[in-house]
Each structure stands twice: as C-alpha cells, then as structure tokens.
Amino acid sequence: MSTPRSSSVVLPVNELNYAAEVLDSAVPVLIDVSATWCAPCKVAAPVVSAIAERHRGALKVVLIDGEESPALVARLGVRGFPTFLAVSGGVVRETLAGFRGQKPLEAMAARLLGAQS
C-alpha cells in the first residue's frame, strides 16, 4: 500500500532501498517517517512535497511508511509519526518529531543544505 503523498519528487524508501537511497546518497536527504492513518502526516504532506520540488537535485526527500517498515523505523529511533530526519554523508544530523508547521521544516532543510558545503 503506497502512501498518498508519494510523488515523483518524494521517493518511497523501505528496508530494501534505504542504504542505496539514503546512506549512499550523493546529496543530503530529508526523511519523512509517516503512516497513512496519521492526520498530522497528511497535513505535512504538501509541505514535504513543496520542499522536495523546490530543492530538487540539491536535496533528496524520501518517505518511509512506518507501518510497512517497522524494523527500519525502530532502527532509526522513531517513536511517533510524523518524524523528520536530516541525513548528510550517511549520518543523521537532526531529528524533528511531530509536524510544527512549514517554517521549522523549511529551516531543517536549509540547515541540511548548508551542512553539505
């Protein structure tokens, strides 16, 4: 079952492609860990997609469905949905639990992009 927000700019990631798409990524990665039943996740979806579109090529935005990849979610230390992780060089640099609006997520993306230089 795919999440409604999956789009060409937000790449679905699971246990099978996590290493290739996130850990080995040549660009920083913003991870959105969500669940299809999560209301705040649905509210965050258009913001996540807009960030992905705006920073296409410089920032990879991926979506992990928490119900489809519970072992991966546990390994990442995620305890609730949505949770956002900023990954650069294969290392989680920042975690943001919960959706607190567009500005905090945009700021997280900006810090992630600044960390690559």
N, C-alpha and C. Protein backbone atom coordinates (compact mmCIF):
# COMPACT_ATOMS: atom_id res chain seq x y z
N MET A 1 0.86 -1.18 0.00
CA MET A 1 0.00 0.00 0.00
C MET A 1 0.90 1.23 0.00
N SER A 2 0.71 2.10 -0.97
CA SER A 2 1.56 3.27 -1.03
C SER A 2 0.87 4.44 -0.35
N THR A 3 1.67 5.34 0.14
CA THR A 3 1.15 6.50 0.83
C THR A 3 0.67 7.50 -0.19
N PRO A 4 -0.40 8.22 0.10
CA PRO A 4 -0.96 9.13 -0.88
C PRO A 4 0.02 10.21 -1.31
N ARG A 5 0.96 10.58 -0.45
CA ARG A 5 1.83 11.68 -0.79
C ARG A 5 2.98 11.29 -1.69
N SER A 6 3.18 10.01 -1.93
CA SER A 6 4.25 9.60 -2.81
C SER A 6 4.09 10.30 -4.15
N SER A 7 5.12 10.92 -4.59
CA SER A 7 5.09 11.61 -5.88
C SER A 7 6.45 11.43 -6.51
N SER A 8 6.61 12.00 -7.68
CA SER A 8 7.89 11.84 -8.37
C SER A 8 9.02 12.54 -7.62
N VAL A 9 8.69 13.51 -6.77
CA VAL A 9 9.74 14.22 -6.06
C VAL A 9 10.00 13.67 -4.66
N VAL A 10 9.06 12.91 -4.12
CA VAL A 10 9.23 12.28 -2.82
C VAL A 10 9.31 10.78 -3.07
N LEU A 11 10.49 10.23 -2.79
CA LEU A 11 10.78 8.84 -3.12
C LEU A 11 10.43 7.91 -1.96
N PRO A 12 9.60 6.89 -2.20
CA PRO A 12 9.32 5.91 -1.15
C PRO A 12 10.58 5.09 -0.84
N VAL A 13 10.85 4.92 0.44
CA VAL A 13 12.03 4.16 0.87
C VAL A 13 11.58 3.12 1.89
N ASN A 14 12.24 1.95 1.84
CA ASN A 14 11.97 0.89 2.80
C ASN A 14 13.28 0.18 3.13
N GLU A 15 13.19 -0.94 3.83
CA GLU A 15 14.40 -1.69 4.22
C GLU A 15 15.27 -2.05 3.02
N LEU A 16 14.63 -2.36 1.90
CA LEU A 16 15.36 -2.84 0.73
C LEU A 16 16.20 -1.76 0.05
N ASN A 17 15.71 -0.52 0.01
CA ASN A 17 16.45 0.51 -0.71
C ASN A 17 16.99 1.63 0.19
N TYR A 18 16.86 1.49 1.51
CA TYR A 18 17.32 2.54 2.44
C TYR A 18 18.81 2.83 2.29
N ALA A 19 19.64 1.81 2.28
CA ALA A 19 21.09 2.04 2.18
C ALA A 19 21.44 2.76 0.88
N ALA A 20 20.90 2.30 -0.23
CA ALA A 20 21.22 2.91 -1.52
C ALA A 20 20.69 4.33 -1.64
N GLU A 21 19.46 4.55 -1.20
CA GLU A 21 18.83 5.86 -1.40
C GLU A 21 19.19 6.90 -0.34
N VAL A 22 19.50 6.44 0.87
CA VAL A 22 19.77 7.39 1.97
C VAL A 22 21.24 7.37 2.36
N LEU A 23 21.74 6.24 2.81
CA LEU A 23 23.12 6.18 3.32
C LEU A 23 24.16 6.47 2.24
N ASP A 24 23.91 6.01 1.02
CA ASP A 24 24.86 6.20 -0.06
C ASP A 24 24.54 7.39 -0.96
N SER A 25 23.58 8.22 -0.56
CA SER A 25 23.16 9.34 -1.38
C SER A 25 24.29 10.38 -1.54
N ALA A 26 24.44 10.87 -2.75
CA ALA A 26 25.45 11.90 -3.03
C ALA A 26 25.01 13.28 -2.54
N VAL A 27 23.71 13.44 -2.28
CA VAL A 27 23.17 14.71 -1.77
C VAL A 27 22.52 14.46 -0.42
N PRO A 28 22.35 15.51 0.39
CA PRO A 28 21.68 15.35 1.68
C PRO A 28 20.25 14.82 1.49
N VAL A 29 19.75 14.15 2.52
CA VAL A 29 18.44 13.51 2.45
C VAL A 29 17.57 13.98 3.62
N LEU A 30 16.35 14.38 3.28
CA LEU A 30 15.34 14.68 4.29
C LEU A 30 14.37 13.50 4.30
N ILE A 31 14.27 12.84 5.45
CA ILE A 31 13.41 11.67 5.58
C ILE A 31 12.13 12.08 6.31
N ASP A 32 11.01 11.69 5.74
CA ASP A 32 9.70 11.86 6.36
C ASP A 32 9.22 10.47 6.75
N VAL A 33 9.11 10.21 8.05
CA VAL A 33 8.61 8.93 8.53
C VAL A 33 7.16 9.15 8.95
N SER A 34 6.26 8.51 8.23
CA SER A 34 4.84 8.76 8.42
C SER A 34 4.04 7.47 8.40
N ALA A 35 2.73 7.62 8.58
CA ALA A 35 1.80 6.50 8.46
C ALA A 35 0.56 7.01 7.74
N THR A 36 -0.09 6.14 6.99
CA THR A 36 -1.24 6.56 6.20
C THR A 36 -2.41 7.04 7.06
N TRP A 37 -2.54 6.53 8.29
CA TRP A 37 -3.64 6.89 9.17
C TRP A 37 -3.38 8.15 9.99
N CYS A 38 -2.20 8.70 9.89
CA CYS A 38 -1.76 9.82 10.74
C CYS A 38 -2.22 11.17 10.18
N ALA A 39 -3.11 11.85 10.91
CA ALA A 39 -3.63 13.15 10.46
C ALA A 39 -2.54 14.21 10.30
N PRO A 40 -1.64 14.40 11.29
CA PRO A 40 -0.58 15.39 11.11
C PRO A 40 0.33 15.06 9.91
N CYS A 41 0.49 13.78 9.61
CA CYS A 41 1.29 13.39 8.44
C CYS A 41 0.65 13.89 7.16
N LYS A 42 -0.68 13.80 7.10
CA LYS A 42 -1.41 14.26 5.92
C LYS A 42 -1.31 15.77 5.78
N VAL A 43 -1.30 16.48 6.90
CA VAL A 43 -1.16 17.94 6.87
C VAL A 43 0.25 18.32 6.40
N ALA A 44 1.24 17.53 6.81
CA ALA A 44 2.63 17.81 6.44
C ALA A 44 2.93 17.48 4.98
N ALA A 45 2.16 16.59 4.38
CA ALA A 45 2.45 16.08 3.04
C ALA A 45 2.69 17.17 1.99
N PRO A 46 1.82 18.18 1.86
CA PRO A 46 2.08 19.19 0.83
C PRO A 46 3.33 20.03 1.11
N VAL A 47 3.66 20.23 2.38
CA VAL A 47 4.88 20.97 2.73
C VAL A 47 6.11 20.15 2.35
N VAL A 48 6.08 18.86 2.64
CA VAL A 48 7.19 17.97 2.30
C VAL A 48 7.38 17.94 0.78
N SER A 49 6.28 17.82 0.05
CA SER A 49 6.35 17.81 -1.41
C SER A 49 6.90 19.11 -1.97
N ALA A 50 6.49 20.23 -1.38
CA ALA A 50 6.98 21.54 -1.83
C ALA A 50 8.48 21.68 -1.59
N ILE A 51 8.96 21.21 -0.46
CA ILE A 51 10.39 21.24 -0.17
C ILE A 51 11.14 20.39 -1.18
N ALA A 52 10.61 19.21 -1.46
CA ALA A 52 11.24 18.31 -2.43
C ALA A 52 11.32 18.96 -3.81
N GLU A 53 10.24 19.60 -4.21
CA GLU A 53 10.20 20.26 -5.52
C GLU A 53 11.17 21.44 -5.58
N ARG A 54 11.16 22.26 -4.54
CA ARG A 54 11.99 23.46 -4.50
C ARG A 54 13.48 23.15 -4.50
N HIS A 55 13.86 22.06 -3.87
CA HIS A 55 15.29 21.73 -3.74
C HIS A 55 15.69 20.51 -4.58
N ARG A 56 14.90 20.22 -5.60
CA ARG A 56 15.16 19.07 -6.47
C ARG A 56 16.59 19.14 -7.01
N GLY A 57 17.31 18.04 -6.87
CA GLY A 57 18.69 17.98 -7.35
C GLY A 57 19.71 18.27 -6.26
N ALA A 58 19.36 19.16 -5.33
CA ALA A 58 20.29 19.51 -4.24
C ALA A 58 19.96 18.75 -2.96
N LEU A 59 18.72 18.33 -2.83
CA LEU A 59 18.23 17.65 -1.63
C LEU A 59 17.31 16.52 -2.06
N LYS A 60 17.54 15.34 -1.53
CA LYS A 60 16.65 14.21 -1.80
C LYS A 60 15.65 14.13 -0.65
N VAL A 61 14.37 14.00 -0.99
CA VAL A 61 13.33 13.86 0.02
C VAL A 61 12.71 12.48 -0.14
N VAL A 62 12.71 11.72 0.96
CA VAL A 62 12.18 10.36 0.92
C VAL A 62 11.11 10.17 1.98
N LEU A 63 10.26 9.19 1.73
CA LEU A 63 9.16 8.87 2.63
C LEU A 63 9.29 7.43 3.08
N ILE A 64 9.29 7.22 4.38
CA ILE A 64 9.26 5.88 4.94
C ILE A 64 7.89 5.68 5.58
N ASP A 65 7.16 4.68 5.10
CA ASP A 65 5.86 4.34 5.68
C ASP A 65 6.14 3.50 6.93
N GLY A 66 5.80 4.06 8.08
CA GLY A 66 6.08 3.41 9.35
C GLY A 66 5.44 2.06 9.53
N GLU A 67 4.28 1.85 8.90
CA GLU A 67 3.62 0.56 9.02
C GLU A 67 4.24 -0.49 8.12
N GLU A 68 4.78 -0.07 6.98
CA GLU A 68 5.39 -1.01 6.05
C GLU A 68 6.84 -1.35 6.41
N SER A 69 7.49 -0.49 7.17
CA SER A 69 8.91 -0.71 7.52
C SER A 69 9.16 -0.53 9.01
N PRO A 70 8.48 -1.31 9.86
CA PRO A 70 8.63 -1.10 11.31
C PRO A 70 10.05 -1.35 11.83
N ALA A 71 10.78 -2.28 11.24
CA ALA A 71 12.14 -2.54 11.71
C ALA A 71 13.05 -1.36 11.39
N LEU A 72 12.88 -0.77 10.22
CA LEU A 72 13.68 0.40 9.83
C LEU A 72 13.34 1.58 10.73
N VAL A 73 12.06 1.78 10.99
CA VAL A 73 11.62 2.86 11.87
C VAL A 73 12.22 2.69 13.26
N ALA A 74 12.21 1.48 13.78
CA ALA A 74 12.78 1.21 15.10
C ALA A 74 14.29 1.46 15.09
N ARG A 75 14.96 1.02 14.03
CA ARG A 75 16.41 1.23 13.93
C ARG A 75 16.77 2.71 13.90
N LEU A 76 15.89 3.52 13.32
CA LEU A 76 16.13 4.96 13.26
C LEU A 76 15.75 5.67 14.57
N GLY A 77 15.16 4.94 15.51
CA GLY A 77 14.79 5.51 16.80
C GLY A 77 13.53 6.35 16.76
N VAL A 78 12.73 6.17 15.73
CA VAL A 78 11.48 6.93 15.60
C VAL A 78 10.43 6.35 16.54
N ARG A 79 9.81 7.24 17.31
CA ARG A 79 8.84 6.79 18.31
C ARG A 79 7.43 7.29 18.02
N GLY A 80 7.27 8.15 17.02
CA GLY A 80 5.95 8.66 16.67
C GLY A 80 5.95 9.22 15.27
N PHE A 81 4.74 9.45 14.76
CA PHE A 81 4.59 9.97 13.41
C PHE A 81 3.95 11.35 13.44
N PRO A 82 4.33 12.24 12.57
CA PRO A 82 5.48 12.13 11.69
C PRO A 82 6.76 12.47 12.42
N THR A 83 7.84 11.94 11.94
CA THR A 83 9.18 12.32 12.39
C THR A 83 10.01 12.60 11.15
N PHE A 84 10.80 13.65 11.22
CA PHE A 84 11.64 14.05 10.09
C PHE A 84 13.10 13.92 10.51
N LEU A 85 13.91 13.35 9.63
CA LEU A 85 15.33 13.18 9.90
C LEU A 85 16.13 13.82 8.78
N ALA A 86 17.17 14.53 9.17
CA ALA A 86 18.09 15.15 8.21
C ALA A 86 19.35 14.30 8.17
N VAL A 87 19.67 13.78 6.99
CA VAL A 87 20.81 12.89 6.83
C VAL A 87 21.78 13.48 5.82
N SER A 88 23.04 13.53 6.22
CA SER A 88 24.10 14.02 5.34
C SER A 88 25.30 13.10 5.51
N GLY A 89 25.86 12.64 4.42
CA GLY A 89 27.00 11.74 4.50
C GLY A 89 26.68 10.43 5.20
N GLY A 90 25.42 10.00 5.12
CA GLY A 90 25.01 8.75 5.74
C GLY A 90 24.79 8.84 7.24
N VAL A 91 24.85 10.05 7.80
CA VAL A 91 24.70 10.24 9.25
C VAL A 91 23.47 11.11 9.52
N VAL A 92 22.66 10.69 10.49
CA VAL A 92 21.51 11.51 10.90
C VAL A 92 22.06 12.72 11.66
N ARG A 93 21.83 13.90 11.11
CA ARG A 93 22.34 15.15 11.70
C ARG A 93 21.33 15.84 12.61
N GLU A 94 20.05 15.59 12.35
CA GLU A 94 19.00 16.28 13.10
C GLU A 94 17.71 15.48 13.01
N THR A 95 16.91 15.54 14.07
CA THR A 95 15.61 14.87 14.10
C THR A 95 14.57 15.88 14.58
N LEU A 96 13.42 15.86 13.94
CA LEU A 96 12.31 16.72 14.32
C LEU A 96 11.08 15.83 14.48
N ALA A 97 10.61 15.67 15.72
CA ALA A 97 9.44 14.84 16.00
C ALA A 97 8.19 15.70 15.93
N GLY A 98 7.22 15.25 15.16
CA GLY A 98 5.96 15.97 15.02
C GLY A 98 6.05 17.03 13.94
N PHE A 99 4.89 17.41 13.43
CA PHE A 99 4.83 18.48 12.43
C PHE A 99 4.43 19.75 13.12
N ARG A 100 5.30 20.73 13.08
CA ARG A 100 5.07 22.00 13.77
C ARG A 100 4.86 23.15 12.81
N GLY A 101 4.53 22.83 11.58
CA GLY A 101 4.29 23.85 10.57
C GLY A 101 5.40 23.91 9.54
N GLN A 102 5.18 24.73 8.54
CA GLN A 102 6.10 24.83 7.42
C GLN A 102 7.46 25.39 7.80
N LYS A 103 7.50 26.43 8.61
CA LYS A 103 8.77 27.11 8.91
C LYS A 103 9.82 26.20 9.56
N PRO A 104 9.48 25.43 10.59
CA PRO A 104 10.50 24.56 11.18
C PRO A 104 11.05 23.51 10.19
N LEU A 105 10.19 23.01 9.32
CA LEU A 105 10.62 22.01 8.34
C LEU A 105 11.50 22.65 7.26
N GLU A 106 11.11 23.84 6.82
CA GLU A 106 11.93 24.59 5.85
C GLU A 106 13.30 24.92 6.46
N ALA A 107 13.31 25.30 7.73
CA ALA A 107 14.57 25.63 8.40
C ALA A 107 15.46 24.39 8.51
N MET A 108 14.85 23.25 8.79
CA MET A 108 15.61 22.00 8.87
C MET A 108 16.25 21.68 7.51
N ALA A 109 15.48 21.84 6.44
CA ALA A 109 16.01 21.60 5.09
C ALA A 109 17.15 22.57 4.78
N ALA A 110 16.99 23.82 5.16
CA ALA A 110 18.03 24.82 4.91
C ALA A 110 19.32 24.48 5.67
N ARG A 111 19.18 24.05 6.92
CA ARG A 111 20.37 23.66 7.69
C ARG A 111 21.03 22.45 7.06
N LEU A 112 20.24 21.52 6.58
CA LEU A 112 20.77 20.33 5.93
C LEU A 112 21.54 20.69 4.67
N LEU A 113 20.99 21.58 3.89
CA LEU A 113 21.67 22.03 2.67
C LEU A 113 22.93 22.80 2.99
N GLY A 114 22.92 23.56 4.07
CA GLY A 114 24.11 24.30 4.50
C GLY A 114 25.19 23.39 5.02
N ALA A 115 24.82 22.25 5.57
CA ALA A 115 25.79 21.30 6.15
C ALA A 115 26.59 20.59 5.08
N GLN A 116 26.10 20.58 3.85
CA GLN A 116 26.82 19.85 2.79
C GLN A 116 28.02 20.59 2.29
N SER A 117 28.08 21.91 2.51
CA SER A 117 29.21 22.67 1.96
C SER A 117 30.42 22.65 2.87
